[in-house]
Amino acid sequence: MPYFDVASTAPLHPVARQALLAALDEGWADPARLYREGRRARMLLDAARQTAAEAVGCRPDELSFTSSGTRAVHTAVAGALAGRRRTGRHLVVSAVEHSSVLHAAEAHEADGGTATEVGVDRTGRAAPEAYRAALRPDTALACLQSANHEVGTVQPVSEVAAVCREAGVPLLVDAAQSLGWEPVPGDWSLLTASAHKWGGPPGVGLLAVRKGVRFAAPAPADERERGRAPGFENLPAIVAAAASLRAVRDEAAAERERLAALVDRIRTRVPQLVPDVDVVGDPVRRLPHLVTFSCLYVDGEALLGELDRSGFAVSSGSSCTSSTLTPSHVLRAMGVLSEGNVRVSLPRGTTGADVDHFLDVLPAAVRRVRGHLAETADAPAEGGAEGGADLVLDTLGKRCPIPVIELAKVIGDVPMGGTVTVLSDDEAARLDIPAWCDMRDQQYAGERPVPGGTAYVVRRHT
């Protein structure tokens, strides 16, 4: 079964497996002890730190191993804010950061701090000037991912780092998605990453803190990992993580070119094969292995199920699932369609035949989902002020993508210039109805609150 979801977690790299097994035999002792077994464990830990530091682009004594990428992020945010508390308690983040960063920002605000979200353009890219405008005299920390987890857009880290350096503000970079491909450029101050994203074992995160950055460990400190990650190191996993990071970086140049060509094939062919599709993210400044697209009139969870039955493991950032009623925060910040969202992230070794097979099964999978939803959706148009020029569509209680499906059914029933008012209590409608108007060349005329939900007004333009 083709596994196309390495942006979530990558299969264990063969080098990681070999290193893990070897370290289980050689690295089981306490690296803080001075007897022979402890010294051997310390040598393995030091070698792993050196290897990982070379890949990150920092000094070994600036790098700590944590229990996960999320733990690295939370430690980095809390430690940097605590270290610069005298400066102020203002935090700047982009609107498309990984949820771990946004959760850390929420915790900071709950503790009395302040936070500013920097918006992005429709490709998901944050502008350096937007960061410049967000920085204040009391800003203690700014955060910017190296590349977006959902749509693959690469961020202008070097430029934002220069802006932050000019303002005297440290920049934290979440490099989880990109570190397996290349070092993070620019004069960043803190960096985090997670081994399972590049084919290392889960349960190993990286936290780099440059010399000179004020940092106060948020947890009670001990003698391990410079007090930034208390507790006994998982040495076999750390060794495997460092070995696999070096291996994937050695393979990166060749794999980057090959996978980028396969992603370009998907980006080009999907809109040709499937009508009413929006391919999102920056088409040029992007990760080489990741592509995301959204399909009108499709339930994202249902489409993932169809693709799974066809033998493909992909993921979705869509709001249209049974587990959540809110859109993906990334797609919402970009202002693009959220329904029927599919993220394809290709593992190393993916072949052209694998991609062609995916492109063969995708159109039929979308048709099946659309057909099922068309059978269950109705269009109870009501009202007809001004001789039927306006319709009111009551979709209260119906979830994405039903409101958009019913809107599409009735838009042709109003004359040019007439309106359809869609009543909906689904949060996704706030994103998907304007996106539908943009895709279908109709005019979005705004929204207003109504009892039980929101009224979205669409004016027929074509």
Protein backbone atom coordinates (compact mmCIF):
# COMPACT_ATOMS: atom_id res chain seq x y z
CA MET A 1 0.00 0.00 0.00
CA PRO A 2 1.60 3.34 -1.02
CA TYR A 3 2.13 5.47 2.06
CA PHE A 4 1.82 9.13 1.09
CA ASP A 5 1.77 10.74 4.55
CA VAL A 6 5.38 11.30 5.60
CA ALA A 7 4.54 14.87 6.64
CA SER A 8 2.78 13.22 9.59
CA THR A 9 5.48 10.67 10.27
CA ALA A 10 8.05 8.95 8.07
CA PRO A 11 8.76 5.21 8.08
CA LEU A 12 11.84 4.25 10.06
CA HIS A 13 14.88 4.74 7.86
CA PRO A 14 17.04 1.58 7.43
CA VAL A 15 20.02 3.43 8.89
CA ALA A 16 17.93 4.35 11.93
CA ARG A 17 16.97 0.72 12.42
CA GLN A 18 20.60 -0.43 12.26
CA ALA A 19 21.79 2.30 14.61
CA LEU A 20 18.96 1.64 17.05
CA LEU A 21 19.74 -2.05 17.30
CA ALA A 22 23.47 -1.42 17.74
CA ALA A 23 22.87 1.24 20.40
CA LEU A 24 20.58 -1.08 22.35
CA ASP A 25 23.61 -3.30 22.88
CA GLU A 26 26.23 -0.59 23.34
CA GLY A 27 24.38 2.39 24.76
CA TRP A 28 22.24 1.03 27.57
CA ALA A 29 24.31 2.43 30.44
CA ASP A 30 24.03 5.82 32.15
CA PRO A 31 26.16 8.31 30.14
CA ALA A 32 26.64 10.39 33.30
CA ARG A 33 28.64 7.59 35.00
CA LEU A 34 32.42 7.26 34.89
CA TYR A 35 32.80 3.49 34.63
CA ARG A 36 33.52 1.87 31.27
CA GLU A 37 29.94 1.21 30.22
CA GLY A 38 28.99 4.78 31.15
CA ARG A 39 31.93 6.23 29.23
CA ARG A 40 30.93 4.20 26.18
CA ALA A 41 27.38 5.52 26.44
CA ARG A 42 28.72 9.07 26.80
CA MET A 43 30.81 8.66 23.65
CA LEU A 44 27.72 7.55 21.74
CA LEU A 45 25.70 10.49 23.07
CA ASP A 46 28.45 12.99 22.24
CA ALA A 47 28.85 11.57 18.74
CA ALA A 48 25.09 11.77 18.15
CA ARG A 49 25.05 15.37 19.38
CA GLN A 50 27.93 16.28 17.07
CA THR A 51 26.19 14.68 14.09
CA ALA A 52 22.88 16.38 14.78
CA ALA A 53 24.54 19.74 15.41
CA GLU A 54 26.31 19.58 12.06
CA ALA A 55 22.96 18.96 10.36
CA VAL A 56 21.28 21.80 12.25
CA GLY A 57 24.17 24.21 11.75
CA CYS A 58 24.90 24.93 15.40
CA ARG A 59 27.52 24.06 18.02
CA PRO A 60 27.14 20.73 19.85
CA ASP A 61 26.90 22.53 23.17
CA GLU A 62 23.94 24.54 21.82
CA LEU A 63 21.91 21.39 21.10
CA SER A 64 19.76 19.37 23.51
CA PHE A 65 17.71 16.22 22.91
CA THR A 66 14.12 16.24 24.14
CA SER A 67 11.38 13.62 24.38
CA SER A 68 9.53 14.94 21.29
CA GLY A 69 9.33 17.81 18.85
CA THR A 70 6.32 19.18 20.70
CA ARG A 71 8.23 19.13 23.97
CA ALA A 72 11.09 20.95 22.24
CA VAL A 73 8.69 23.65 21.02
CA HIS A 74 7.04 24.12 24.41
CA THR A 75 10.42 24.24 26.15
CA ALA A 76 11.81 26.70 23.61
CA VAL A 77 8.85 29.09 23.83
CA ALA A 78 8.59 28.98 27.62
CA GLY A 79 12.35 29.16 28.15
CA ALA A 80 12.90 32.09 25.80
CA LEU A 81 9.95 34.03 27.23
CA ALA A 82 11.15 33.42 30.79
CA GLY A 83 14.71 34.39 29.91
CA ARG A 84 13.56 37.70 28.45
CA ARG A 85 10.85 38.51 30.97
CA ARG A 86 12.47 41.86 31.79
CA THR A 87 12.06 42.91 28.15
CA GLY A 88 8.35 42.16 28.16
CA ARG A 89 5.78 39.42 27.68
CA HIS A 90 4.80 39.93 24.05
CA LEU A 91 5.03 36.96 21.66
CA VAL A 92 4.77 37.06 17.85
CA VAL A 93 3.76 33.99 15.83
CA SER A 94 2.56 33.41 12.29
CA ALA A 95 -1.06 32.37 11.79
CA VAL A 96 0.04 29.11 10.13
CA GLU A 97 2.39 27.77 12.80
CA HIS A 98 2.15 24.15 13.92
CA SER A 99 -0.47 23.64 16.61
CA SER A 100 2.26 23.07 19.21
CA VAL A 101 3.44 26.66 18.74
CA LEU A 102 -0.10 28.05 18.81
CA HIS A 103 -0.90 26.03 21.94
CA ALA A 104 2.21 27.46 23.59
CA ALA A 105 1.02 30.95 22.62
CA GLU A 106 -2.41 30.22 24.13
CA ALA A 107 -0.79 29.08 27.37
CA HIS A 108 1.31 32.23 27.41
CA GLU A 109 -1.79 34.41 27.01
CA ALA A 110 -3.63 32.45 29.70
CA ASP A 111 -0.70 33.25 32.01
CA GLY A 112 -1.09 36.97 31.41
CA GLY A 113 1.15 37.45 28.38
CA THR A 114 0.18 38.90 25.02
CA ALA A 115 0.54 37.46 21.53
CA THR A 116 0.21 38.76 17.98
CA GLU A 117 -0.54 36.55 14.99
CA VAL A 118 1.06 37.59 11.71
CA GLY A 119 -1.14 36.86 8.71
CA VAL A 120 -0.09 35.15 5.49
CA ASP A 121 -0.92 35.46 1.81
CA ARG A 122 -2.96 32.94 -0.18
CA THR A 123 0.11 30.73 -0.63
CA GLY A 124 0.62 30.53 3.13
CA ARG A 125 3.74 32.69 3.15
CA ALA A 126 4.39 35.29 5.85
CA ALA A 127 5.95 38.60 4.85
CA PRO A 128 9.06 39.93 6.62
CA GLU A 129 7.50 43.39 6.71
CA ALA A 130 4.49 41.95 8.52
CA TYR A 131 6.86 40.69 11.21
CA ARG A 132 8.54 44.07 11.35
CA ALA A 133 5.15 45.70 11.96
CA ALA A 134 4.26 43.16 14.67
CA LEU A 135 7.44 43.59 16.73
CA ARG A 136 7.20 45.93 19.73
CA PRO A 137 9.59 47.18 22.41
CA ASP A 138 8.16 44.57 24.78
CA THR A 139 8.42 41.67 22.30
CA ALA A 140 10.32 38.84 23.98
CA LEU A 141 10.17 36.23 21.21
CA ALA A 142 9.08 35.71 17.60
CA CYS A 143 8.29 32.33 16.02
CA LEU A 144 8.27 31.27 12.37
CA GLN A 145 8.21 27.78 10.91
CA SER A 146 10.76 26.94 8.22
CA ALA A 147 8.09 25.31 6.05
CA ASN A 148 4.39 24.77 6.53
CA HIS A 149 3.27 21.34 7.72
CA GLU A 150 0.00 21.34 5.76
CA VAL A 151 0.74 22.97 2.41
CA GLY A 152 4.56 22.86 2.17
CA THR A 153 5.15 26.57 1.63
CA VAL A 154 8.71 27.55 2.57
CA GLN A 155 8.90 30.63 4.76
CA PRO A 156 11.36 33.55 4.40
CA VAL A 157 13.29 32.63 7.53
CA SER A 158 16.48 34.48 6.61
CA GLU A 159 14.64 37.73 5.95
CA VAL A 160 12.51 37.48 9.10
CA ALA A 161 15.57 36.57 11.17
CA ALA A 162 17.28 39.73 9.90
CA VAL A 163 14.24 41.80 10.88
CA CYS A 164 14.20 40.24 14.33
CA ARG A 165 17.94 40.68 14.78
CA GLU A 166 17.62 44.36 13.91
CA ALA A 167 14.93 44.71 16.58
CA GLY A 168 16.90 42.71 19.14
CA VAL A 169 14.28 39.93 19.28
CA PRO A 170 15.22 36.22 19.16
CA LEU A 171 13.58 34.11 16.46
CA LEU A 172 12.43 30.54 17.13
CA VAL A 173 12.20 28.34 14.03
CA ASP A 174 10.12 25.15 13.95
CA ALA A 175 12.13 23.12 11.43
CA ALA A 176 10.30 19.82 11.82
CA GLN A 177 9.25 19.54 8.17
CA SER A 178 12.40 20.85 6.51
CA LEU A 179 15.40 19.74 8.55
CA GLY A 180 15.64 16.38 6.77
CA TRP A 181 16.14 18.26 3.51
CA GLU A 182 18.57 21.06 4.35
CA PRO A 183 19.83 23.32 7.14
CA VAL A 184 17.65 26.26 8.09
CA PRO A 185 19.18 29.45 6.67
CA GLY A 186 19.49 32.76 8.43
CA ASP A 187 20.52 34.12 11.77
CA TRP A 188 17.88 32.34 13.85
CA SER A 189 18.19 32.14 17.63
CA LEU A 190 16.36 28.94 18.59
CA LEU A 191 15.35 25.90 16.55
CA THR A 192 13.25 22.80 17.14
CA ALA A 193 12.70 19.60 15.17
CA SER A 194 11.35 16.07 15.54
CA ALA A 195 13.12 12.87 14.48
CA HIS A 196 10.06 10.95 13.33
CA LYS A 197 9.55 13.51 10.55
CA TRP A 198 12.76 12.44 8.75
CA GLY A 199 12.71 8.70 9.42
CA GLY A 200 14.17 8.59 12.90
CA PRO A 201 12.38 6.92 15.80
CA PRO A 202 9.53 8.73 17.52
CA GLY A 203 10.20 10.21 20.93
CA VAL A 204 13.26 12.29 20.02
CA GLY A 205 13.15 16.04 19.55
CA LEU A 206 15.89 18.59 18.95
CA LEU A 207 16.21 21.92 20.74
CA ALA A 208 18.96 24.31 19.68
CA VAL A 209 19.57 27.52 21.63
CA ARG A 210 22.29 29.78 20.28
CA LYS A 211 24.93 31.12 22.61
CA GLY A 212 23.97 34.54 23.86
CA VAL A 213 20.21 33.91 23.78
CA ARG A 214 18.67 34.54 27.18
CA PHE A 215 17.00 31.29 28.20
CA ALA A 216 15.57 30.04 31.50
CA ALA A 217 14.60 26.37 31.59
CA PRO A 218 10.88 26.19 32.41
CA ALA A 219 11.09 22.85 34.25
CA PRO A 220 13.12 21.95 37.34
CA ALA A 221 16.63 21.45 36.02
CA ASP A 222 18.96 18.52 36.49
CA GLU A 223 22.43 17.76 35.18
CA ARG A 224 21.20 16.23 31.91
CA GLU A 225 20.87 18.08 28.59
CA ARG A 226 22.00 21.35 30.18
CA GLY A 227 18.89 21.35 32.30
CA ARG A 228 16.64 21.87 29.28
CA ALA A 229 15.29 18.32 29.06
CA PRO A 230 15.37 16.70 32.48
CA GLY A 231 15.39 12.93 32.78
CA PHE A 232 17.35 9.97 31.54
CA GLU A 233 18.21 10.24 27.83
CA ASN A 234 16.76 7.63 25.47
CA LEU A 235 20.23 7.03 24.11
CA PRO A 236 19.44 4.28 21.55
CA ALA A 237 16.70 6.43 20.01
CA ILE A 238 18.95 9.51 20.04
CA VAL A 239 21.72 7.63 18.26
CA ALA A 240 19.25 6.34 15.66
CA ALA A 241 17.78 9.83 15.18
CA ALA A 242 21.19 11.40 14.53
CA ALA A 243 22.32 8.60 12.21
CA SER A 244 19.14 8.77 10.15
CA LEU A 245 19.32 12.57 9.93
CA ARG A 246 22.80 12.33 8.45
CA ALA A 247 21.64 9.60 6.07
CA VAL A 248 18.60 11.45 4.74
CA ARG A 249 20.61 14.61 4.29
CA ASP A 250 23.16 12.65 2.24
CA GLU A 251 20.28 11.44 0.06
CA ALA A 252 18.48 14.78 -0.07
CA ALA A 253 19.92 16.31 -3.23
CA ALA A 254 18.98 13.41 -5.48
CA GLU A 255 15.63 12.77 -3.81
CA ARG A 256 14.70 16.46 -3.82
CA GLU A 257 14.94 16.69 -7.60
CA ARG A 258 13.12 13.44 -8.20
CA LEU A 259 10.27 13.98 -5.74
CA ALA A 260 9.80 17.60 -6.81
CA ALA A 261 9.16 16.36 -10.35
CA LEU A 262 6.58 13.87 -9.08
CA VAL A 263 4.85 16.57 -7.02
CA ASP A 264 4.79 18.83 -10.07
CA ARG A 265 3.05 16.01 -11.90
CA ILE A 266 0.38 15.83 -9.21
CA ARG A 267 -0.03 19.62 -9.12
CA THR A 268 -0.54 19.70 -12.88
CA ARG A 269 -2.64 16.59 -13.40
CA VAL A 270 -5.11 16.76 -10.49
CA PRO A 271 -6.94 19.88 -11.80
CA GLN A 272 -7.05 18.29 -15.25
CA LEU A 273 -8.48 15.02 -13.95
CA VAL A 274 -10.85 16.30 -11.25
CA PRO A 275 -13.13 19.30 -11.82
CA ASP A 276 -13.53 21.98 -9.17
CA VAL A 277 -10.19 21.49 -7.45
CA ASP A 278 -7.98 24.11 -5.82
CA VAL A 279 -4.28 23.22 -5.49
CA VAL A 280 -2.99 25.29 -2.57
CA GLY A 281 0.39 26.44 -1.31
CA ASP A 282 3.26 28.14 -3.07
CA PRO A 283 3.93 26.36 -6.41
CA VAL A 284 7.65 27.27 -6.38
CA ARG A 285 8.86 28.05 -2.85
CA ARG A 286 7.78 24.76 -1.33
CA LEU A 287 8.98 21.50 0.12
CA PRO A 288 9.86 19.07 -2.68
CA HIS A 289 7.70 16.17 -1.51
CA LEU A 290 4.41 17.75 -0.41
CA VAL A 291 1.29 18.92 -2.25
CA THR A 292 -2.16 19.81 -0.95
CA PHE A 293 -5.40 20.26 -2.86
CA SER A 294 -9.04 20.81 -1.96
CA CYS A 295 -12.07 19.47 -3.82
CA LEU A 296 -15.41 21.22 -3.95
CA TYR A 297 -18.49 19.23 -2.91
CA VAL A 298 -16.42 16.59 -1.11
CA ASP A 299 -16.30 15.48 2.50
CA GLY A 300 -12.62 15.20 3.38
CA GLU A 301 -12.97 12.24 5.72
CA ALA A 302 -15.06 10.33 3.19
CA LEU A 303 -12.49 10.96 0.45
CA LEU A 304 -9.65 9.75 2.66
CA GLY A 305 -11.65 6.60 3.32
CA GLU A 306 -12.16 6.03 -0.41
CA LEU A 307 -8.46 6.50 -1.10
CA ASP A 308 -7.58 4.16 1.75
CA ARG A 309 -9.81 1.48 0.24
CA SER A 310 -8.02 2.08 -3.05
CA GLY A 311 -4.68 1.45 -1.33
CA PHE A 312 -3.39 4.98 -0.58
CA ALA A 313 -2.62 6.47 2.82
CA VAL A 314 -2.97 10.26 2.68
CA SER A 315 -4.03 12.88 5.19
CA SER A 316 -6.28 15.90 5.31
CA GLY A 317 -6.25 19.33 6.90
CA SER A 318 -9.92 19.68 6.12
CA SER A 319 -12.53 20.81 8.58
CA CYS A 320 -14.95 18.32 7.09
CA THR A 321 -14.44 15.40 9.44
CA SER A 322 -16.48 13.88 12.20
CA SER A 323 -13.87 14.87 14.78
CA THR A 324 -13.94 18.64 14.35
CA LEU A 325 -16.31 21.38 13.31
CA THR A 326 -13.66 24.04 12.70
CA PRO A 327 -11.57 24.55 9.56
CA SER A 328 -7.85 23.93 9.43
CA HIS A 329 -6.25 27.02 10.92
CA VAL A 330 -3.71 27.02 8.09
CA LEU A 331 -6.30 26.99 5.30
CA ARG A 332 -8.39 29.53 7.18
CA ALA A 333 -5.41 31.89 7.47
CA MET A 334 -4.71 31.47 3.75
CA GLY A 335 -8.34 32.14 2.86
CA VAL A 336 -8.59 29.09 0.60
CA LEU A 337 -11.08 26.27 0.26
CA SER A 338 -11.05 23.83 3.17
CA GLU A 339 -13.55 21.19 2.10
CA GLY A 340 -12.37 17.95 0.55
CA ASN A 341 -8.78 18.69 1.53
CA VAL A 342 -6.08 16.12 0.70
CA ARG A 343 -2.40 16.38 1.66
CA VAL A 344 -0.02 14.12 -0.25
CA SER A 345 3.53 13.86 1.11
CA LEU A 346 5.75 11.43 -0.75
CA PRO A 347 8.34 9.27 1.00
CA ARG A 348 11.79 8.79 -0.38
CA GLY A 349 11.77 6.03 -2.95
CA THR A 350 8.33 6.87 -4.34
CA THR A 351 8.20 5.94 -8.01
CA GLY A 352 6.49 7.51 -10.98
CA ALA A 353 4.31 4.39 -11.20
CA ASP A 354 3.10 4.98 -7.64
CA VAL A 355 2.08 8.54 -8.49
CA ASP A 356 0.44 7.51 -11.76
CA HIS A 357 -1.59 4.89 -9.92
CA PHE A 358 -2.73 7.54 -7.43
CA LEU A 359 -3.77 9.80 -10.28
CA ASP A 360 -5.68 6.88 -11.82
CA VAL A 361 -7.76 6.16 -8.72
CA LEU A 362 -8.32 9.72 -7.49
CA PRO A 363 -11.01 10.83 -10.02
CA ALA A 364 -13.21 7.81 -9.35
CA ALA A 365 -12.83 8.25 -5.59
CA VAL A 366 -13.93 11.89 -5.84
CA ARG A 367 -16.89 10.95 -8.05
CA ARG A 368 -18.07 8.35 -5.57
CA VAL A 369 -17.94 10.80 -2.67
CA ARG A 370 -19.64 13.55 -4.65
CA GLY A 371 -22.33 11.17 -5.81
CA HIS A 372 -23.08 10.04 -2.29
CA LEU A 373 -23.26 13.61 -0.99
CA ALA A 374 -25.46 14.71 -3.90
CA GLU A 375 -27.95 12.00 -2.95
CA THR A 376 -28.07 13.09 0.69
CA ALA A 377 -28.08 16.86 0.10
CA ASP A 378 -31.24 18.75 -0.74
CA ALA A 379 -31.78 22.38 -1.60
CA PRO A 380 -34.74 23.72 0.35
CA ALA A 381 -34.75 27.18 -1.20
CA GLU A 382 -37.16 29.50 0.48
CA GLY A 383 -38.35 33.01 -0.08
CA GLY A 384 -38.32 34.96 -3.29
CA ALA A 385 -38.38 38.62 -2.64
CA GLU A 386 -38.54 40.90 -5.63
CA GLY A 387 -40.16 38.37 -7.89
CA GLY A 388 -37.86 35.49 -7.08
CA ALA A 389 -34.65 37.44 -7.55
CA ASP A 390 -33.43 36.36 -4.11
CA LEU A 391 -33.38 32.97 -2.42
CA VAL A 392 -32.85 31.97 1.19
CA LEU A 393 -31.18 28.61 1.68
CA ASP A 394 -31.58 27.12 5.15
CA THR A 395 -28.71 24.71 5.85
CA LEU A 396 -28.67 25.13 9.62
CA GLY A 397 -27.59 21.88 11.24
CA LYS A 398 -25.86 20.62 8.08
CA ARG A 399 -22.12 20.17 7.95
CA CYS A 400 -19.48 20.85 5.33
CA PRO A 401 -19.70 20.43 2.40
CA ILE A 402 -23.53 20.31 2.31
CA PRO A 403 -24.05 24.13 2.48
CA VAL A 404 -21.79 24.64 -0.56
CA ILE A 405 -23.38 21.76 -2.46
CA GLU A 406 -26.85 23.21 -1.95
CA LEU A 407 -25.62 26.69 -2.86
CA ALA A 408 -24.24 25.34 -6.13
CA LYS A 409 -27.59 23.68 -6.89
CA VAL A 410 -29.64 26.85 -6.62
CA ILE A 411 -27.35 29.64 -7.85
CA GLY A 412 -28.68 29.15 -11.37
CA ASP A 413 -32.26 29.70 -10.17
CA VAL A 414 -31.71 33.40 -9.54
CA PRO A 415 -31.27 36.02 -12.26
CA MET A 416 -28.04 37.89 -12.80
CA GLY A 417 -27.58 40.23 -9.87
CA GLY A 418 -29.92 38.22 -7.67
CA THR A 419 -28.74 36.78 -4.38
CA VAL A 420 -28.69 33.50 -2.51
CA THR A 421 -28.52 33.83 1.28
CA VAL A 422 -27.13 30.71 2.89
CA LEU A 423 -28.01 30.17 6.55
CA SER A 424 -25.41 27.99 8.23
CA ASP A 425 -24.10 27.20 11.71
CA ASP A 426 -21.03 25.37 10.37
CA GLU A 427 -17.82 27.29 11.04
CA ALA A 428 -16.33 25.96 7.80
CA ALA A 429 -18.93 27.86 5.78
CA ARG A 430 -17.21 31.14 6.70
CA LEU A 431 -14.20 29.98 4.72
CA ASP A 432 -15.70 27.73 2.07
CA ILE A 433 -18.52 29.93 0.75
CA PRO A 434 -16.21 32.86 -0.12
CA ALA A 435 -13.70 30.37 -1.57
CA TRP A 436 -16.47 28.80 -3.68
CA CYS A 437 -17.45 32.25 -4.97
CA ASP A 438 -13.85 32.90 -5.98
CA MET A 439 -13.57 29.54 -7.76
CA ARG A 440 -16.95 29.86 -9.52
CA ASP A 441 -16.67 33.57 -10.37
CA GLN A 442 -19.61 34.59 -8.21
CA GLN A 443 -19.74 37.64 -5.95
CA TYR A 444 -19.49 37.16 -2.20
CA ALA A 445 -21.59 39.97 -0.72
CA GLY A 446 -20.81 39.46 2.97
CA GLU A 447 -22.26 37.89 6.09
CA ARG A 448 -24.37 38.80 9.09
CA PRO A 449 -25.39 37.02 12.28
CA VAL A 450 -28.82 35.40 12.43
CA PRO A 451 -30.51 33.37 15.17
CA GLY A 452 -28.74 30.04 15.37
CA GLY A 453 -25.96 30.83 12.92
CA THR A 454 -24.75 33.13 10.17
CA ALA A 455 -26.25 34.35 6.90
CA TYR A 456 -23.83 34.34 3.95
CA VAL A 457 -24.95 36.37 0.95
CA VAL A 458 -23.85 35.38 -2.57
CA ARG A 459 -24.74 37.51 -5.59
CA ARG A 460 -24.96 35.79 -8.96
CA HIS A 461 -22.29 37.19 -11.24
CA THR A 462 -22.09 34.63 -14.04
